[in-house]
C-alpha atoms as a PDB file:
ATOM      1  CA  PRO A   1      95.222 -56.797  28.543  1.00  0.00           C
ATOM      2  CA  ARG A   2      98.778 -57.313  28.119  1.00  0.00           C
ATOM      3  CA  TYR A   3      99.153 -56.507  31.701  1.00  0.00           C
ATOM      4  CA  VAL A   4      96.541 -58.884  33.053  1.00  0.00           C
ATOM      5  CA  VAL A   5      98.245 -61.822  30.865  1.00  0.00           C
ATOM      6  CA  ASN A   6     101.586 -60.884  32.417  1.00  0.00           C
ATOM      7  CA  GLN A   7     100.146 -60.857  36.094  1.00  0.00           C
ATOM      8  CA  VAL A   8      98.702 -64.378  35.502  1.00  0.00           C
ATOM      9  CA  THR A   9     101.480 -65.837  34.169  1.00  0.00           C
ATOM     10  CA  THR A  10     103.495 -64.647  37.425  1.00  0.00           C
ATOM     11  CA  GLY A  11     100.910 -66.332  39.454  1.00  0.00           C
ATOM     12  CA  ASP A  12      98.661 -63.242  40.448  1.00  0.00           C
ATOM     13  CA  TYR A  13      95.074 -65.041  39.642  1.00  0.00           C
ATOM     14  CA  ASP A  14      93.225 -62.296  41.392  1.00  0.00           C
ATOM     15  CA  CYS A  15      94.324 -59.606  38.925  1.00  0.00           C
ATOM     16  CA  PRO A  16      91.851 -60.572  36.161  1.00  0.00           C
ATOM     17  CA  ARG A  17      89.076 -60.377  38.406  1.00  0.00           C
ATOM     18  CA  LYS A  18      90.078 -56.838  39.769  1.00  0.00           C
ATOM     19  CA  VAL A  19      90.789 -55.426  36.316  1.00  0.00           C
ATOM     20  CA  LEU A  20      87.414 -56.775  34.885  1.00  0.00           C
ATOM     21  CA  LYS A  21      85.628 -55.121  37.709  1.00  0.00           C
ATOM     22  CA  PHE A  22      87.237 -51.797  37.078  1.00  0.00           C
ATOM     23  CA  LEU A  23      86.686 -51.937  33.178  1.00  0.00           C
ATOM     24  CA  THR A  24      83.272 -53.177  33.641  1.00  0.00           C
ATOM     25  CA  ASP A  25      82.452 -49.779  35.937  1.00  0.00           C
ATOM     26  CA  LEU A  26      84.247 -47.684  33.718  1.00  0.00           C
ATOM     27  CA  HIS A  27      82.597 -48.959  30.646  1.00  0.00           C
ATOM     28  CA  ALA A  28      79.115 -48.696  32.309  1.00  0.00           C
ATOM     29  CA  ALA A  29      80.155 -44.876  33.059  1.00  0.00           C
ATOM     30  CA  PHE A  30      80.995 -44.201  29.467  1.00  0.00           C
ATOM     31  CA  ARG A  31      77.842 -45.779  28.070  1.00  0.00           C
ATOM     32  CA  MET A  32      75.887 -43.051  30.092  1.00  0.00           C
ATOM     33  CA  LEU A  33      77.556 -40.460  27.936  1.00  0.00           C
ATOM     34  CA  ASN A  34      76.123 -39.437  24.561  1.00  0.00           C
ATOM     35  CA  LEU A  35      79.335 -40.081  22.161  1.00  0.00           C
ATOM     36  CA  ARG A  36      79.326 -39.178  18.853  1.00  0.00           C
ATOM     37  CA  ASN A  37      82.248 -39.675  16.364  1.00  0.00           C
ATOM     38  CA  ASP A  38      84.855 -37.806  18.269  1.00  0.00           C
ATOM     39  CA  PHE A  39      87.994 -38.678  20.486  1.00  0.00           C
ATOM     40  CA  LEU A  40      86.172 -40.095  23.221  1.00  0.00           C
ATOM     41  CA  ARG A  41      84.168 -42.370  20.972  1.00  0.00           C
ATOM     42  CA  LYS A  42      87.474 -44.097  19.744  1.00  0.00           C
ATOM     43  CA  LYS A  43      88.596 -44.391  23.087  1.00  0.00           C
ATOM     44  CA  PHE A  44      85.326 -46.176  24.397  1.00  0.00           C
ATOM     45  CA  ASP A  45      85.555 -48.411  21.353  1.00  0.00           C
ATOM     46  CA  GLY A  46      89.049 -49.306  22.283  1.00  0.00           C
ATOM     47  CA  MET A  47      87.794 -49.929  25.516  1.00  0.00           C
ATOM     48  CA  LYS A  48      85.283 -52.474  24.557  1.00  0.00           C
ATOM     49  CA  TYR A  49      87.811 -54.590  23.154  1.00  0.00           C
ATOM     50  CA  ASP A  50      90.128 -54.409  25.940  1.00  0.00           C
ATOM     51  CA  LEU A  51      87.285 -55.285  28.198  1.00  0.00           C
ATOM     52  CA  ARG A  52      86.311 -58.370  25.888  1.00  0.00           C
ATOM     53  CA  ARG A  53      90.044 -59.595  26.157  1.00  0.00           C
ATOM     54  CA  VAL A  54      90.156 -59.193  29.855  1.00  0.00           C
ATOM     55  CA  GLU A  55      86.884 -61.102  30.229  1.00  0.00           C
ATOM     56  CA  GLU A  56      88.455 -63.967  28.317  1.00  0.00           C
ATOM     57  CA  VAL A  57      91.524 -64.069  30.502  1.00  0.00           C
ATOM     58  CA  TYR A  58      89.324 -64.045  33.683  1.00  0.00           C
ATOM     59  CA  TYR A  59      87.271 -66.814  32.201  1.00  0.00           C
ATOM     60  CA  ASP A  60      90.271 -68.986  31.390  1.00  0.00           C
ATOM     61  CA  VAL A  61      91.695 -68.612  35.019  1.00  0.00           C
ATOM     62  CA  LYS A  62      88.294 -69.419  36.200  1.00  0.00           C
ATOM     63  CA  ILE A  63      87.568 -72.513  33.890  1.00  0.00           C
ATOM     64  CA  ARG A  64      91.141 -73.891  34.936  1.00  0.00           C
ATOM     65  CA  GLY A  65      90.388 -73.488  38.729  1.00  0.00           C
ATOM     66  CA  LEU A  66      93.452 -71.166  39.374  1.00  0.00           C
ATOM     67  CA  MET A  67      91.646 -68.663  41.380  1.00  0.00           C
ATOM     68  CA  SER A  68      91.602 -69.281  45.105  1.00  0.00           C
ATOM     69  CA  ILE A  69      88.389 -70.506  46.898  1.00  0.00           C
ATOM     70  CA  GLY A  70      87.662 -67.219  48.414  1.00  0.00           C
ATOM     71  CA  ASP A  71      87.751 -65.501  44.982  1.00  0.00           C
ATOM     72  CA  SER A  72      85.280 -68.097  43.447  1.00  0.00           C
ATOM     73  CA  THR A  73      82.916 -67.396  46.372  1.00  0.00           C
ATOM     74  CA  LYS A  74      82.917 -63.593  45.729  1.00  0.00           C
ATOM     75  CA  ASP A  75      82.147 -64.462  42.011  1.00  0.00           C
ATOM     76  CA  GLN A  76      79.156 -66.480  42.778  1.00  0.00           C
ATOM     77  CA  LYS A  77      77.770 -63.877  45.018  1.00  0.00           C
ATOM     78  CA  THR A  78      78.517 -61.086  42.399  1.00  0.00           C
ATOM     79  CA  GLU A  79      76.959 -63.215  39.560  1.00  0.00           C
ATOM     80  CA  ALA A  80      73.955 -64.063  41.590  1.00  0.00           C
ATOM     81  CA  LYS A  81      73.116 -60.228  41.856  1.00  0.00           C
ATOM     82  CA  VAL A  82      73.345 -59.722  38.220  1.00  0.00           C
END
């Protein structure tokens, strides 16, 4: 999450969308595993909180209108599929 915030402050407003997509896909793959109380479970739980923080950064960028017009069009198509 710190990387995403740093990228946004330098003007890379597309970074949160890319990282959010990657983390969402990774989180979905981890959910398919049967994780008990072990090392991977702790990593999975940490990833959940990272995903939440990246979602917050993405939401802030989107709500402030900092994404380019092409990016918001892609998001509307992605949200329509969900």
